[in-house]
Amino acid sequence: MKRRRSGTWLTIIVLGGLLLLALAILYVGMMPLEGEQGTPMSVSGYVAMVLGILATLGLGIGLMSLVFYSNRHGRD
């Protein structure tokens, strides 16, 4: 097992801190304001959100796979 350098540990710590910050912002954003009930989302809203997430993931995965494919076959 290789020893990790201090730069690697620093990167892990910074990324962990950013993850915690993102989770804290997500938690605060999900909480309703005082006296506010919010607007309920319909089923079609949830369906549209899921389809948008899946399309974004599919596009990202597809493009990254093309990058790796072209790199391995010397087409860059």
PDB file of N, CA and C in Angstrom:
ATOM      1  N   MET A   1       0.844  -1.177   0.000  1.00  0.00           N
ATOM      2  CA  MET A   1       0.000   0.000   0.000  1.00  0.00           C
ATOM      3  C   MET A   1       0.889   1.239   0.000  1.00  0.00           C
ATOM      4  N   LYS A   2       0.585   2.145  -0.881  1.00  0.00           N
ATOM      5  CA  LYS A   2       1.387   3.361  -0.987  1.00  0.00           C
ATOM      6  C   LYS A   2       1.034   4.340   0.125  1.00  0.00           C
ATOM      7  N   ARG A   3       2.024   5.122   0.485  1.00  0.00           N
ATOM      8  CA  ARG A   3       1.774   6.173   1.466  1.00  0.00           C
ATOM      9  C   ARG A   3       1.178   7.371   0.750  1.00  0.00           C
ATOM     10  N   ARG A   4       0.213   7.966   1.363  1.00  0.00           N
ATOM     11  CA  ARG A   4      -0.400   9.155   0.774  1.00  0.00           C
ATOM     12  C   ARG A   4       0.383  10.379   1.198  1.00  0.00           C
ATOM     13  N   ARG A   5       0.565  11.256   0.253  1.00  0.00           N
ATOM     14  CA  ARG A   5       1.271  12.496   0.556  1.00  0.00           C
ATOM     15  C   ARG A   5       0.326  13.475   1.239  1.00  0.00           C
ATOM     16  N   SER A   6       0.905  14.534   1.764  1.00  0.00           N
ATOM     17  CA  SER A   6       0.090  15.526   2.476  1.00  0.00           C
ATOM     18  C   SER A   6      -0.884  16.216   1.532  1.00  0.00           C
ATOM     19  N   GLY A   7      -0.518  16.364   0.258  1.00  0.00           N
ATOM     20  CA  GLY A   7      -1.429  16.979  -0.711  1.00  0.00           C
ATOM     21  C   GLY A   7      -2.671  16.144  -0.927  1.00  0.00           C
ATOM     22  N   THR A   8      -2.520  14.825  -0.908  1.00  0.00           N
ATOM     23  CA  THR A   8      -3.666  13.934  -1.059  1.00  0.00           C
ATOM     24  C   THR A   8      -4.593  14.058   0.139  1.00  0.00           C
ATOM     25  N   TRP A   9      -4.014  14.089   1.328  1.00  0.00           N
ATOM     26  CA  TRP A   9      -4.837  14.242   2.533  1.00  0.00           C
ATOM     27  C   TRP A   9      -5.537  15.590   2.549  1.00  0.00           C
ATOM     28  N   LEU A  10      -4.843  16.625   2.116  1.00  0.00           N
ATOM     29  CA  LEU A  10      -5.452  17.950   2.067  1.00  0.00           C
ATOM     30  C   LEU A  10      -6.627  17.960   1.096  1.00  0.00           C
ATOM     31  N   THR A  11      -6.462  17.303  -0.042  1.00  0.00           N
ATOM     32  CA  THR A  11      -7.545  17.215  -1.021  1.00  0.00           C
ATOM     33  C   THR A  11      -8.743  16.482  -0.437  1.00  0.00           C
ATOM     34  N   ILE A  12      -8.496  15.382   0.258  1.00  0.00           N
ATOM     35  CA  ILE A  12      -9.583  14.615   0.870  1.00  0.00           C
ATOM     36  C   ILE A  12     -10.304  15.453   1.922  1.00  0.00           C
ATOM     37  N   ILE A  13      -9.562  16.191   2.723  1.00  0.00           N
ATOM     38  CA  ILE A  13     -10.168  17.024   3.766  1.00  0.00           C
ATOM     39  C   ILE A  13     -10.999  18.145   3.150  1.00  0.00           C
ATOM     40  N   VAL A  14     -10.469  18.797   2.112  1.00  0.00           N
ATOM     41  CA  VAL A  14     -11.205  19.889   1.462  1.00  0.00           C
ATOM     42  C   VAL A  14     -12.476  19.358   0.812  1.00  0.00           C
ATOM     43  N   LEU A  15     -12.386  18.228   0.108  1.00  0.00           N
ATOM     44  CA  LEU A  15     -13.576  17.658  -0.526  1.00  0.00           C
ATOM     45  C   LEU A  15     -14.607  17.208   0.507  1.00  0.00           C
ATOM     46  N   GLY A  16     -14.148  16.657   1.614  1.00  0.00           N
ATOM     47  CA  GLY A  16     -15.070  16.288   2.689  1.00  0.00           C
ATOM     48  C   GLY A  16     -15.767  17.503   3.279  1.00  0.00           C
ATOM     49  N   GLY A  17     -15.013  18.588   3.458  1.00  0.00           N
ATOM     50  CA  GLY A  17     -15.612  19.830   3.952  1.00  0.00           C
ATOM     51  C   GLY A  17     -16.635  20.398   2.987  1.00  0.00           C
ATOM     52  N   LEU A  18     -16.323  20.344   1.693  1.00  0.00           N
ATOM     53  CA  LEU A  18     -17.281  20.820   0.693  1.00  0.00           C
ATOM     54  C   LEU A  18     -18.538  19.960   0.670  1.00  0.00           C
ATOM     55  N   LEU A  19     -18.377  18.652   0.863  1.00  0.00           N
ATOM     56  CA  LEU A  19     -19.536  17.768   0.935  1.00  0.00           C
ATOM     57  C   LEU A  19     -20.405  18.109   2.139  1.00  0.00           C
ATOM     58  N   LEU A  20     -19.787  18.332   3.290  1.00  0.00           N
ATOM     59  CA  LEU A  20     -20.553  18.714   4.482  1.00  0.00           C
ATOM     60  C   LEU A  20     -21.263  20.050   4.284  1.00  0.00           C
ATOM     61  N   LEU A  21     -20.592  21.005   3.634  1.00  0.00           N
ATOM     62  CA  LEU A  21     -21.212  22.295   3.357  1.00  0.00           C
ATOM     63  C   LEU A  21     -22.410  22.137   2.426  1.00  0.00           C
ATOM     64  N   ALA A  22     -22.265  21.311   1.396  1.00  0.00           N
ATOM     65  CA  ALA A  22     -23.375  21.079   0.470  1.00  0.00           C
ATOM     66  C   ALA A  22     -24.550  20.419   1.180  1.00  0.00           C
ATOM     67  N   LEU A  23     -24.273  19.464   2.066  1.00  0.00           N
ATOM     68  CA  LEU A  23     -25.350  18.815   2.812  1.00  0.00           C
ATOM     69  C   LEU A  23     -26.035  19.785   3.767  1.00  0.00           C
ATOM     70  N   ALA A  24     -25.270  20.686   4.384  1.00  0.00           N
ATOM     71  CA  ALA A  24     -25.864  21.685   5.275  1.00  0.00           C
ATOM     72  C   ALA A  24     -26.758  22.641   4.493  1.00  0.00           C
ATOM     73  N   ILE A  25     -26.298  23.070   3.326  1.00  0.00           N
ATOM     74  CA  ILE A  25     -27.108  23.964   2.492  1.00  0.00           C
ATOM     75  C   ILE A  25     -28.364  23.244   2.021  1.00  0.00           C
ATOM     76  N   LEU A  26     -28.247  21.962   1.678  1.00  0.00           N
ATOM     77  CA  LEU A  26     -29.411  21.175   1.279  1.00  0.00           C
ATOM     78  C   LEU A  26     -30.415  21.083   2.421  1.00  0.00           C
ATOM     79  N   TYR A  27     -29.930  20.842   3.629  1.00  0.00           N
ATOM     80  CA  TYR A  27     -30.814  20.729   4.787  1.00  0.00           C
ATOM     81  C   TYR A  27     -31.539  22.045   5.053  1.00  0.00           C
ATOM     82  N   VAL A  28     -30.801  23.150   5.022  1.00  0.00           N
ATOM     83  CA  VAL A  28     -31.409  24.459   5.274  1.00  0.00           C
ATOM     84  C   VAL A  28     -32.396  24.807   4.165  1.00  0.00           C
ATOM     85  N   GLY A  29     -32.069  24.450   2.938  1.00  0.00           N
ATOM     86  CA  GLY A  29     -32.956  24.745   1.817  1.00  0.00           C
ATOM     87  C   GLY A  29     -34.242  23.945   1.842  1.00  0.00           C
ATOM     88  N   MET A  30     -34.215  22.777   2.454  1.00  0.00           N
ATOM     89  CA  MET A  30     -35.408  21.938   2.507  1.00  0.00           C
ATOM     90  C   MET A  30     -36.361  22.350   3.629  1.00  0.00           C
ATOM     91  N   MET A  31     -35.875  23.116   4.592  1.00  0.00           N
ATOM     92  CA  MET A  31     -36.713  23.532   5.710  1.00  0.00           C
ATOM     93  C   MET A  31     -37.600  24.700   5.276  1.00  0.00           C
ATOM     94  N   PRO A  32     -38.906  24.639   5.568  1.00  0.00           N
ATOM     95  CA  PRO A  32     -39.770  25.769   5.217  1.00  0.00           C
ATOM     96  C   PRO A  32     -39.496  26.967   6.121  1.00  0.00           C
ATOM     97  N   LEU A  33     -39.757  28.149   5.597  1.00  0.00           N
ATOM     98  CA  LEU A  33     -39.610  29.361   6.394  1.00  0.00           C
ATOM     99  C   LEU A  33     -40.713  29.414   7.448  1.00  0.00           C
ATOM    100  N   GLU A  34     -40.542  30.274   8.450  1.00  0.00           N
ATOM    101  CA  GLU A  34     -41.532  30.375   9.523  1.00  0.00           C
ATOM    102  C   GLU A  34     -42.876  30.812   8.959  1.00  0.00           C
ATOM    103  N   GLY A  35     -43.921  30.073   9.284  1.00  0.00           N
ATOM    104  CA  GLY A  35     -45.259  30.419   8.857  1.00  0.00           C
ATOM    105  C   GLY A  35     -45.543  30.101   7.399  1.00  0.00           C
ATOM    106  N   GLU A  36     -44.613  29.501   6.711  1.00  0.00           N
ATOM    107  CA  GLU A  36     -44.810  29.204   5.290  1.00  0.00           C
ATOM    108  C   GLU A  36     -45.041  27.707   5.124  1.00  0.00           C
ATOM    109  N   GLN A  37     -46.098  27.368   4.441  1.00  0.00           N
ATOM    110  CA  GLN A  37     -46.402  25.961   4.203  1.00  0.00           C
ATOM    111  C   GLN A  37     -45.730  25.446   2.938  1.00  0.00           C
ATOM    112  N   GLY A  38     -45.476  26.329   1.996  1.00  0.00           N
ATOM    113  CA  GLY A  38     -44.900  25.895   0.728  1.00  0.00           C
ATOM    114  C   GLY A  38     -45.980  25.403  -0.217  1.00  0.00           C
ATOM    115  N   THR A  39     -45.609  25.222  -1.436  1.00  0.00           N
ATOM    116  CA  THR A  39     -46.542  24.738  -2.443  1.00  0.00           C
ATOM    117  C   THR A  39     -46.259  23.266  -2.698  1.00  0.00           C
ATOM    118  N   PRO A  40     -47.268  22.419  -2.565  1.00  0.00           N
ATOM    119  CA  PRO A  40     -47.020  20.995  -2.812  1.00  0.00           C
ATOM    120  C   PRO A  40     -46.752  20.736  -4.297  1.00  0.00           C
ATOM    121  N   MET A  41     -45.853  19.802  -4.566  1.00  0.00           N
ATOM    122  CA  MET A  41     -45.530  19.478  -5.946  1.00  0.00           C
ATOM    123  C   MET A  41     -46.427  18.328  -6.395  1.00  0.00           C
ATOM    124  N   SER A  42     -46.937  18.433  -7.603  1.00  0.00           N
ATOM    125  CA  SER A  42     -47.822  17.399  -8.124  1.00  0.00           C
ATOM    126  C   SER A  42     -47.011  16.191  -8.580  1.00  0.00           C
ATOM    127  N   VAL A  43     -47.730  15.125  -8.908  1.00  0.00           N
ATOM    128  CA  VAL A  43     -47.075  13.909  -9.388  1.00  0.00           C
ATOM    129  C   VAL A  43     -46.342  14.185 -10.689  1.00  0.00           C
ATOM    130  N   SER A  44     -46.933  14.988 -11.556  1.00  0.00           N
ATOM    131  CA  SER A  44     -46.265  15.297 -12.824  1.00  0.00           C
ATOM    132  C   SER A  44     -44.987  16.100 -12.590  1.00  0.00           C
ATOM    133  N   GLY A  45     -44.951  16.891 -11.535  1.00  0.00           N
ATOM    134  CA  GLY A  45     -43.731  17.612 -11.191  1.00  0.00           C
ATOM    135  C   GLY A  45     -42.615  16.665 -10.778  1.00  0.00           C
ATOM    136  N   TYR A  46     -42.961  15.655  -9.969  1.00  0.00           N
ATOM    137  CA  TYR A  46     -41.964  14.658  -9.571  1.00  0.00           C
ATOM    138  C   TYR A  46     -41.495  13.838 -10.770  1.00  0.00           C
ATOM    139  N   VAL A  47     -42.423  13.483 -11.656  1.00  0.00           N
ATOM    140  CA  VAL A  47     -42.054  12.723 -12.858  1.00  0.00           C
ATOM    141  C   VAL A  47     -41.109  13.541 -13.725  1.00  0.00           C
ATOM    142  N   ALA A  48     -41.415  14.821 -13.912  1.00  0.00           N
ATOM    143  CA  ALA A  48     -40.549  15.683 -14.716  1.00  0.00           C
ATOM    144  C   ALA A  48     -39.171  15.822 -14.080  1.00  0.00           C
ATOM    145  N   MET A  49     -39.119  15.917 -12.760  1.00  0.00           N
ATOM    146  CA  MET A  49     -37.837  16.039 -12.076  1.00  0.00           C
ATOM    147  C   MET A  49     -37.008  14.766 -12.237  1.00  0.00           C
ATOM    148  N   VAL A  50     -37.634  13.609 -12.084  1.00  0.00           N
ATOM    149  CA  VAL A  50     -36.916  12.339 -12.242  1.00  0.00           C
ATOM    150  C   VAL A  50     -36.427  12.177 -13.674  1.00  0.00           C
ATOM    151  N   LEU A  51     -37.268  12.511 -14.657  1.00  0.00           N
ATOM    152  CA  LEU A  51     -36.849  12.407 -16.058  1.00  0.00           C
ATOM    153  C   LEU A  51     -35.699  13.359 -16.366  1.00  0.00           C
ATOM    154  N   GLY A  52     -35.731  14.543 -15.805  1.00  0.00           N
ATOM    155  CA  GLY A  52     -34.638  15.491 -16.009  1.00  0.00           C
ATOM    156  C   GLY A  52     -33.337  15.002 -15.400  1.00  0.00           C
ATOM    157  N   ILE A  53     -33.421  14.426 -14.209  1.00  0.00           N
ATOM    158  CA  ILE A  53     -32.222  13.886 -13.558  1.00  0.00           C
ATOM    159  C   ILE A  53     -31.660  12.726 -14.362  1.00  0.00           C
ATOM    160  N   LEU A  54     -32.526  11.816 -14.816  1.00  0.00           N
ATOM    161  CA  LEU A  54     -32.060  10.671 -15.602  1.00  0.00           C
ATOM    162  C   LEU A  54     -31.456  11.108 -16.934  1.00  0.00           C
ATOM    163  N   ALA A  55     -32.066  12.093 -17.591  1.00  0.00           N
ATOM    164  CA  ALA A  55     -31.519  12.587 -18.858  1.00  0.00           C
ATOM    165  C   ALA A  55     -30.158  13.239 -18.645  1.00  0.00           C
ATOM    166  N   THR A  56     -30.015  13.998 -17.577  1.00  0.00           N
ATOM    167  CA  THR A  56     -28.734  14.644 -17.285  1.00  0.00           C
ATOM    168  C   THR A  56     -27.660  13.610 -16.974  1.00  0.00           C
ATOM    169  N   LEU A  57     -27.999  12.617 -16.162  1.00  0.00           N
ATOM    170  CA  LEU A  57     -27.041  11.550 -15.862  1.00  0.00           C
ATOM    171  C   LEU A  57     -26.666  10.773 -17.118  1.00  0.00           C
ATOM    172  N   GLY A  58     -27.647  10.450 -17.948  1.00  0.00           N
ATOM    173  CA  GLY A  58     -27.369   9.721 -19.185  1.00  0.00           C
ATOM    174  C   GLY A  58     -26.459  10.495 -20.112  1.00  0.00           C
ATOM    175  N   LEU A  59     -26.708  11.785 -20.252  1.00  0.00           N
ATOM    176  CA  LEU A  59     -25.863  12.618 -21.103  1.00  0.00           C
ATOM    177  C   LEU A  59     -24.447  12.696 -20.550  1.00  0.00           C
ATOM    178  N   GLY A  60     -24.315  12.906 -19.258  1.00  0.00           N
ATOM    179  CA  GLY A  60     -22.989  12.989 -18.650  1.00  0.00           C
ATOM    180  C   GLY A  60     -22.214  11.685 -18.761  1.00  0.00           C
ATOM    181  N   ILE A  61     -22.876  10.573 -18.473  1.00  0.00           N
ATOM    182  CA  ILE A  61     -22.209   9.268 -18.564  1.00  0.00           C
ATOM    183  C   ILE A  61     -21.849   8.954 -20.009  1.00  0.00           C
ATOM    184  N   GLY A  62     -22.755   9.259 -20.935  1.00  0.00           N
ATOM    185  CA  GLY A  62     -22.473   9.005 -22.347  1.00  0.00           C
ATOM    186  C   GLY A  62     -21.300   9.812 -22.863  1.00  0.00           C
ATOM    187  N   LEU A  63     -21.247  11.080 -22.519  1.00  0.00           N
ATOM    188  CA  LEU A  63     -20.141  11.915 -22.982  1.00  0.00           C
ATOM    189  C   LEU A  63     -18.815  11.495 -22.356  1.00  0.00           C
ATOM    190  N   MET A  64     -18.826  11.147 -21.075  1.00  0.00           N
ATOM    191  CA  MET A  64     -17.586  10.705 -20.443  1.00  0.00           C
ATOM    192  C   MET A  64     -17.114   9.375 -21.023  1.00  0.00           C
ATOM    193  N   SER A  65     -18.043   8.485 -21.342  1.00  0.00           N
ATOM    194  CA  SER A  65     -17.630   7.217 -21.952  1.00  0.00           C
ATOM    195  C   SER A  65     -17.037   7.452 -23.333  1.00  0.00           C
ATOM    196  N   LEU A  66     -17.559   8.414 -24.084  1.00  0.00           N
ATOM    197  CA  LEU A  66     -16.967   8.745 -25.380  1.00  0.00           C
ATOM    198  C   LEU A  66     -15.571   9.330 -25.225  1.00  0.00           C
ATOM    199  N   VAL A  67     -15.352  10.120 -24.188  1.00  0.00           N
ATOM    200  CA  VAL A  67     -14.019  10.676 -23.939  1.00  0.00           C
ATOM    201  C   VAL A  67     -13.029   9.548 -23.668  1.00  0.00           C
ATOM    202  N   PHE A  68     -13.400   8.599 -22.803  1.00  0.00           N
ATOM    203  CA  PHE A  68     -12.499   7.489 -22.495  1.00  0.00           C
ATOM    204  C   PHE A  68     -12.304   6.580 -23.710  1.00  0.00           C
ATOM    205  N   TYR A  69     -13.360   6.346 -24.474  1.00  0.00           N
ATOM    206  CA  TYR A  69     -13.256   5.501 -25.665  1.00  0.00           C
ATOM    207  C   TYR A  69     -12.300   6.112 -26.682  1.00  0.00           C
ATOM    208  N   SER A  70     -12.458   7.400 -26.954  1.00  0.00           N
ATOM    209  CA  SER A  70     -11.591   8.034 -27.947  1.00  0.00           C
ATOM    210  C   SER A  70     -10.154   8.116 -27.454  1.00  0.00           C
ATOM    211  N   ASN A  71      -9.955   8.268 -26.152  1.00  0.00           N
ATOM    212  CA  ASN A  71      -8.601   8.318 -25.613  1.00  0.00           C
ATOM    213  C   ASN A  71      -7.906   6.961 -25.741  1.00  0.00           C
ATOM    214  N   ARG A  72      -8.615   5.897 -25.469  1.00  0.00           N
ATOM    215  CA  ARG A  72      -8.012   4.560 -25.528  1.00  0.00           C
ATOM    216  C   ARG A  72      -7.753   4.098 -26.956  1.00  0.00           C
ATOM    217  N   HIS A  73      -8.504   4.611 -27.902  1.00  0.00           N
ATOM    218  CA  HIS A  73      -8.321   4.202 -29.291  1.00  0.00           C
ATOM    219  C   HIS A  73      -7.494   5.199 -30.090  1.00  0.00           C
ATOM    220  N   GLY A  74      -6.875   6.142 -29.415  1.00  0.00           N
ATOM    221  CA  GLY A  74      -5.958   7.065 -30.072  1.00  0.00           C
ATOM    222  C   GLY A  74      -6.616   8.045 -31.023  1.00  0.00           C
ATOM    223  N   ARG A  75      -7.822   8.433 -30.759  1.00  0.00           N
ATOM    224  CA  ARG A  75      -8.519   9.359 -31.651  1.00  0.00           C
ATOM    225  C   ARG A  75      -8.520  10.786 -31.123  1.00  0.00           C
ATOM    226  N   ASP A  76      -7.725  11.033 -30.133  1.00  0.00           N
ATOM    227  CA  ASP A  76      -7.642  12.393 -29.587  1.00  0.00           C
ATOM    228  C   ASP A  76      -6.649  13.204 -30.378  1.00  0.00           C
TER     229      ASP A  76
END
